[in-house]
C-alpha cells in the first residue's frame, strides 16, 4: 500500500492517493453485512411502509408510493454517514490513520478517500431505493435534469452528515460506541420529520418544528424534484441548510482530525 500511495504531498498526487484510499475503504466495507444493509434493507423498508400505510394514505388522497421513497433515501443517507463515522473510529483504533499521517501522504487524500467511498455507497443506496420505488409506482416526473438534481441533493445530504459523523468518529477509538452514539440523533431526527407522514399529521404545537427541521426540508426538496413540477422554492432552503451545516460540521471534523494526529 505504501508504494501505491506514493511518496509526495503535492496536489498532483491527491487524486491518485485519494483513489487508492477510497478503494481500500470500499474493499474493507464490501462485505455481506454492508450488502444486506444497502441492497436488501432498503427494499424491505419501501415495501414494508407501503404495506403499513399505503392504503391508509391513499384513502386520504396521498400517493404514498410517490411520497415514501425520498424519505427512505434520506434515511439511508444517515446510514451512509453513520457507518462512515464508525469506520473513522476503526481506522483510528487500528492505527491506519496514524500510518497515513506518518507516511508521505497528502493529508487531503485521507479525507478525499473517505468522501469518495461514502459517495459510492450513497449513490448505490439511491439507485436501489429508486429502483424499488419504481416497482411500487414511484416516478421522476420532472425529467432527467430533476432526477439528476435529486441524486446530487441526496449525495450532498450524505456528505454533509458524513462531516458530522467523522468528527464523532475521529474523537473515539471504539467503533461500536460511535455507532450506538450516532443512532440516537439519527432516530430522533428522522422520526421528528415529515419522512413518513406529512407535517400536518403531527400535533399543532409540534408541526412548525417538524416543518422547518433540516431533515424535513431536504426530504420535501427531494419530493419536489421527483414531482411533475419541481420547485426551486422548495429546493433552495435545503441547499441553504446543507451549506450552513457543512461549514459547521467541516470545522468540527477538521478539529477532530487535528486532535487525532
Protein backbone atom coordinates (compact mmCIF):
# COMPACT_ATOMS: atom_id res chain seq x y z
CA UNK A 1 0.00 0.00 0.00
CA UNK A 2 2.89 2.37 0.76
CA UNK A 3 4.21 2.09 -2.78
CA UNK A 4 0.76 2.52 -4.26
CA UNK A 5 0.10 5.71 -2.35
CA UNK A 6 3.28 7.36 -3.41
CA UNK A 7 5.94 9.50 -1.77
CA UNK A 8 4.92 13.13 -2.33
CA UNK A 9 2.47 15.52 -0.74
CA UNK A 10 1.81 17.64 -3.84
CA UNK A 11 -1.60 18.43 -5.28
CA UNK A 12 -0.74 16.25 -8.27
CA UNK A 13 -0.87 13.15 -6.10
CA UNK A 14 -4.16 14.00 -4.41
CA UNK A 15 -6.34 12.18 -6.94
CA UNK A 16 -4.08 9.12 -7.09
CA UNK A 17 -3.68 8.82 -3.34
CA UNK A 18 -7.33 9.56 -2.69
CA UNK A 19 -8.34 6.89 -5.20
CA UNK A 20 -6.11 4.30 -3.53
CA UNK A 21 -7.56 5.10 -0.10
CA UNK A 22 -11.12 5.14 -1.48
CA UNK A 23 -10.55 1.70 -2.99
CA UNK A 24 -9.20 0.45 0.30
CA UNK A 25 -12.24 1.85 2.16
CA UNK A 26 -14.64 0.21 -0.31
CA UNK A 27 -12.91 -3.16 -0.15
CA UNK A 28 -12.86 -3.05 3.64
CA UNK A 29 -16.61 -2.44 3.87
CA UNK A 30 -17.73 -4.53 0.89
CA UNK A 31 -18.86 -7.47 2.99
CA UNK A 32 -22.09 -9.42 3.33
CA UNK A 33 -23.37 -7.19 6.12
CA UNK A 34 -22.98 -3.99 4.10
CA UNK A 35 -24.53 -5.57 1.02
CA UNK A 36 -27.56 -6.55 3.11
CA UNK A 37 -27.77 -3.05 4.64
CA UNK A 38 -27.58 -1.30 1.27
CA UNK A 39 -29.11 -3.90 -1.03
CA UNK A 40 -31.79 -5.68 0.98
CA UNK A 41 -32.95 -3.48 3.87
CA UNK A 42 -33.99 -0.53 1.64
CA UNK A 43 -36.26 -2.88 -0.32
CA UNK A 44 -37.82 -4.16 2.90
CA UNK A 45 -38.37 -0.62 4.19
CA UNK A 46 -40.01 0.60 0.98
CA UNK A 47 -42.46 -2.28 0.65
CA UNK A 48 -42.92 -2.59 4.41
CA UNK A 49 -44.03 1.02 4.85
CA UNK A 50 -46.19 0.80 1.73
CA UNK A 51 -47.98 -2.22 3.16
CA UNK A 52 -48.46 -0.48 6.51
CA UNK A 53 -49.52 2.97 5.37
CA UNK A 54 -50.13 2.85 1.61
CA UNK A 55 -53.85 2.15 1.75
CA UNK A 56 -54.41 4.44 4.74
CA UNK A 57 -52.90 7.47 2.99
CA UNK A 58 -54.41 6.54 -0.37
CA UNK A 59 -57.86 6.89 1.19
CA UNK A 60 -56.82 10.40 2.24
CA UNK A 61 -55.70 11.36 -1.26
CA UNK A 62 -51.95 10.92 -0.81
CA UNK A 63 -49.97 8.83 -3.29
CA UNK A 64 -47.76 7.10 -0.72
CA UNK A 65 -45.71 5.27 -3.38
CA UNK A 66 -44.56 8.71 -4.59
CA UNK A 67 -44.34 10.18 -1.08
CA UNK A 68 -42.24 7.47 0.58
CA UNK A 69 -39.05 6.77 -1.48
CA UNK A 70 -37.46 10.23 -0.96
CA UNK A 71 -37.82 9.65 2.79
CA UNK A 72 -36.13 6.25 2.55
CA UNK A 73 -33.35 7.87 0.52
CA UNK A 74 -32.82 10.45 3.28
CA UNK A 75 -32.90 7.68 5.88
CA UNK A 76 -30.19 5.77 4.06
CA UNK A 77 -28.02 8.87 3.73
CA UNK A 78 -27.95 8.77 7.54
CA UNK A 79 -26.87 5.13 7.29
CA UNK A 80 -24.03 6.07 4.93
CA UNK A 81 -22.87 8.76 7.35
CA UNK A 82 -23.19 6.63 10.48
CA UNK A 83 -21.24 3.72 9.02
CA UNK A 84 -18.59 6.19 7.87
CA UNK A 85 -18.27 7.60 11.38
CA UNK A 86 -17.78 4.11 12.80
CA UNK A 87 -15.21 3.38 10.07
CA UNK A 88 -13.27 6.52 11.01
CA UNK A 89 -13.15 5.33 14.62
CA UNK A 90 -11.99 1.90 13.43
CA UNK A 91 -9.21 3.49 11.37
CA UNK A 92 -8.02 5.39 14.40
CA UNK A 93 -8.21 2.33 16.65
CA UNK A 94 -6.33 0.09 14.19
CA UNK A 95 -3.54 2.60 13.65
CA UNK A 96 -4.44 3.10 9.99
CA UNK A 97 -4.89 6.83 10.48
CA UNK A 98 -1.55 7.11 12.26
CA UNK A 99 0.16 5.20 9.46
CA UNK A 100 -1.26 7.50 6.81
CA UNK A 101 -0.24 10.59 8.75
CA UNK A 102 3.29 9.28 9.33
CA UNK A 103 3.76 8.45 5.64
CA UNK A 104 4.40 10.95 2.81
CA UNK A 105 0.67 11.12 2.02
CA UNK A 106 -1.27 14.25 1.11
CA UNK A 107 -3.43 14.88 4.19
CA UNK A 108 -6.35 15.88 1.98
CA UNK A 109 -6.18 12.46 0.30
CA UNK A 110 -7.25 10.81 3.57
CA UNK A 111 -10.40 12.94 3.61
CA UNK A 112 -10.95 12.64 -0.15
CA UNK A 113 -10.68 8.86 0.01
CA UNK A 114 -13.27 8.66 2.78
CA UNK A 115 -15.68 11.01 0.99
CA UNK A 116 -15.28 9.21 -2.34
CA UNK A 117 -16.07 5.81 -0.84
CA UNK A 118 -19.04 7.27 1.04
CA UNK A 119 -20.30 8.81 -2.20
CA UNK A 120 -20.26 5.37 -3.84
CA UNK A 121 -22.37 3.89 -1.04
CA UNK A 122 -24.74 6.86 -1.16
CA UNK A 123 -25.30 6.55 -4.92
CA UNK A 124 -25.79 2.79 -4.56
CA UNK A 125 -28.49 3.42 -1.94
CA UNK A 126 -30.24 6.00 -4.13
CA UNK A 127 -30.23 3.62 -7.11
CA UNK A 128 -31.56 0.66 -5.09
CA UNK A 129 -34.29 2.72 -3.39
CA UNK A 130 -35.33 4.46 -6.62
CA UNK A 131 -35.50 1.15 -8.49
CA UNK A 132 -37.53 -0.41 -5.68
CA UNK A 133 -39.79 2.60 -5.58
CA UNK A 134 -40.25 2.36 -9.36
CA UNK A 135 -41.66 -1.14 -8.92
CA UNK A 136 -44.12 0.27 -6.38
CA UNK A 137 -45.15 3.23 -8.56
CA UNK A 138 -42.55 5.93 -7.79
CA UNK A 139 -41.54 8.08 -10.77
CA UNK A 140 -39.26 11.01 -11.60
CA UNK A 141 -41.96 13.07 -13.28
CA UNK A 142 -39.74 16.11 -13.78
CA UNK A 143 -37.42 14.50 -16.31
CA UNK A 144 -33.68 13.84 -16.36
CA UNK A 145 -32.45 17.23 -15.03
CA UNK A 146 -34.70 17.00 -11.98
CA UNK A 147 -33.72 13.35 -11.42
CA UNK A 148 -30.05 14.34 -11.56
CA UNK A 149 -30.76 17.12 -9.07
CA UNK A 150 -32.45 14.53 -6.84
CA UNK A 151 -29.30 12.38 -6.83
CA UNK A 152 -26.98 15.34 -6.26
CA UNK A 153 -29.07 16.68 -3.37
CA UNK A 154 -29.18 13.24 -1.73
CA UNK A 155 -25.40 12.95 -2.17
CA UNK A 156 -24.86 16.41 -0.68
CA UNK A 157 -27.02 15.43 2.29
CA UNK A 158 -25.00 12.25 2.83
CA UNK A 159 -21.64 14.03 2.66
CA UNK A 160 -22.82 16.83 4.98
CA UNK A 161 -23.89 14.24 7.52
CA UNK A 162 -20.60 12.41 6.98
CA UNK A 163 -18.68 15.52 8.01
CA UNK A 164 -20.57 15.44 11.33
CA UNK A 165 -20.15 11.72 11.94
CA UNK A 166 -16.46 11.90 11.02
CA UNK A 167 -15.96 14.46 13.78
CA UNK A 168 -17.55 12.00 16.21
CA UNK A 169 -15.67 9.00 14.81
CA UNK A 170 -12.26 10.67 14.99
CA UNK A 171 -12.89 11.51 18.64
CA UNK A 172 -13.09 7.85 19.62
CA UNK A 173 -11.30 4.55 19.15
CA UNK A 174 -14.42 2.47 19.80
CA UNK A 175 -16.42 1.91 16.58
CA UNK A 176 -19.30 0.21 18.39
CA UNK A 177 -19.67 3.10 20.84
CA UNK A 178 -19.61 5.56 17.94
CA UNK A 179 -22.30 3.59 16.08
CA UNK A 180 -24.51 3.49 19.17
CA UNK A 181 -24.00 7.20 19.84
CA UNK A 182 -24.83 8.21 16.27
CA UNK A 183 -28.02 6.14 16.23
CA UNK A 184 -29.62 8.38 18.87
CA UNK A 185 -29.68 11.65 16.89
CA UNK A 186 -30.47 9.71 13.69
CA UNK A 187 -33.61 8.18 15.18
CA UNK A 188 -34.74 11.47 16.72
CA UNK A 189 -34.17 13.49 13.55
CA UNK A 190 -35.80 11.01 11.17
CA UNK A 191 -38.83 10.43 13.40
CA UNK A 192 -39.33 14.16 14.11
CA UNK A 193 -39.58 14.97 10.42
CA UNK A 194 -42.02 14.66 7.54
CA UNK A 195 -40.30 11.45 6.42
CA UNK A 196 -43.15 9.01 6.89
CA UNK A 197 -46.19 11.23 7.48
CA UNK A 198 -46.94 14.81 6.38
CA UNK A 199 -46.07 17.60 8.81
CA UNK A 200 -49.74 18.45 9.29
CA UNK A 201 -50.33 14.99 10.77
CA UNK A 202 -48.35 15.97 13.89
CA UNK A 203 -49.89 17.85 16.83
CA UNK A 204 -50.32 21.55 16.11
CA UNK A 205 -47.70 22.66 18.64
CA UNK A 206 -45.12 20.32 17.06
CA UNK A 207 -45.93 20.96 13.39
CA UNK A 208 -43.66 24.05 12.97
CA UNK A 209 -40.71 22.12 14.41
CA UNK A 210 -41.36 19.25 12.00
CA UNK A 211 -41.89 21.52 9.01
CA UNK A 212 -38.68 23.52 9.49
CA UNK A 213 -36.44 20.66 10.54
CA UNK A 214 -33.48 20.44 8.13
CA UNK A 215 -34.30 16.78 7.57
CA UNK A 216 -37.87 17.65 6.59
CA UNK A 217 -36.64 20.48 4.35
CA UNK A 218 -34.29 18.12 2.48
CA UNK A 219 -36.94 15.41 2.14
CA UNK A 220 -39.51 17.90 0.81
CA UNK A 221 -36.93 19.16 -1.68
CA UNK A 222 -36.32 15.58 -2.86
CA UNK A 223 -40.08 15.09 -3.24
CA UNK A 224 -40.31 18.28 -5.24
CA UNK A 225 -37.50 17.15 -7.57
CA UNK A 226 -39.36 13.88 -8.18
CA UNK A 227 -42.67 15.64 -8.87
CA UNK A 228 -44.10 16.80 -12.18
CA UNK A 229 -43.43 20.44 -11.22
CA UNK A 230 -40.05 20.71 -9.46
CA UNK A 231 -39.87 23.95 -7.47
CA UNK A 232 -36.69 25.89 -6.79
CA UNK A 233 -38.64 27.50 -3.94
CA UNK A 234 -38.57 24.12 -2.17
CA UNK A 235 -35.03 23.21 -3.19
CA UNK A 236 -33.11 26.33 -2.20
CA UNK A 237 -33.93 26.11 1.56
CA UNK A 238 -32.43 22.58 1.53
CA UNK A 239 -29.31 23.85 -0.25
CA UNK A 240 -29.02 26.70 2.27
CA UNK A 241 -29.41 24.33 5.23
CA UNK A 242 -26.80 21.94 3.86
CA UNK A 243 -24.33 24.73 3.08
CA UNK A 244 -24.58 26.13 6.60
CA UNK A 245 -24.37 22.74 8.27
CA UNK A 246 -21.43 21.71 6.07
CA UNK A 247 -19.43 24.71 7.28
CA UNK A 248 -20.10 23.84 10.93
CA UNK A 249 -19.55 20.10 10.55
CA UNK A 250 -16.40 20.54 8.45
CA UNK A 251 -14.94 22.79 11.13
CA UNK A 252 -15.73 20.16 13.77
CA UNK A 253 -14.25 17.37 11.64
CA UNK A 254 -11.09 19.41 10.99
CA UNK A 255 -10.60 19.96 14.71
CA UNK A 256 -11.15 16.27 15.42
CA UNK A 257 -8.66 15.36 12.66
CA UNK A 258 -6.01 17.63 14.17
CA UNK A 259 -6.55 16.19 17.64
CA UNK A 260 -6.36 12.65 16.23
CA UNK A 261 -2.96 13.49 14.73
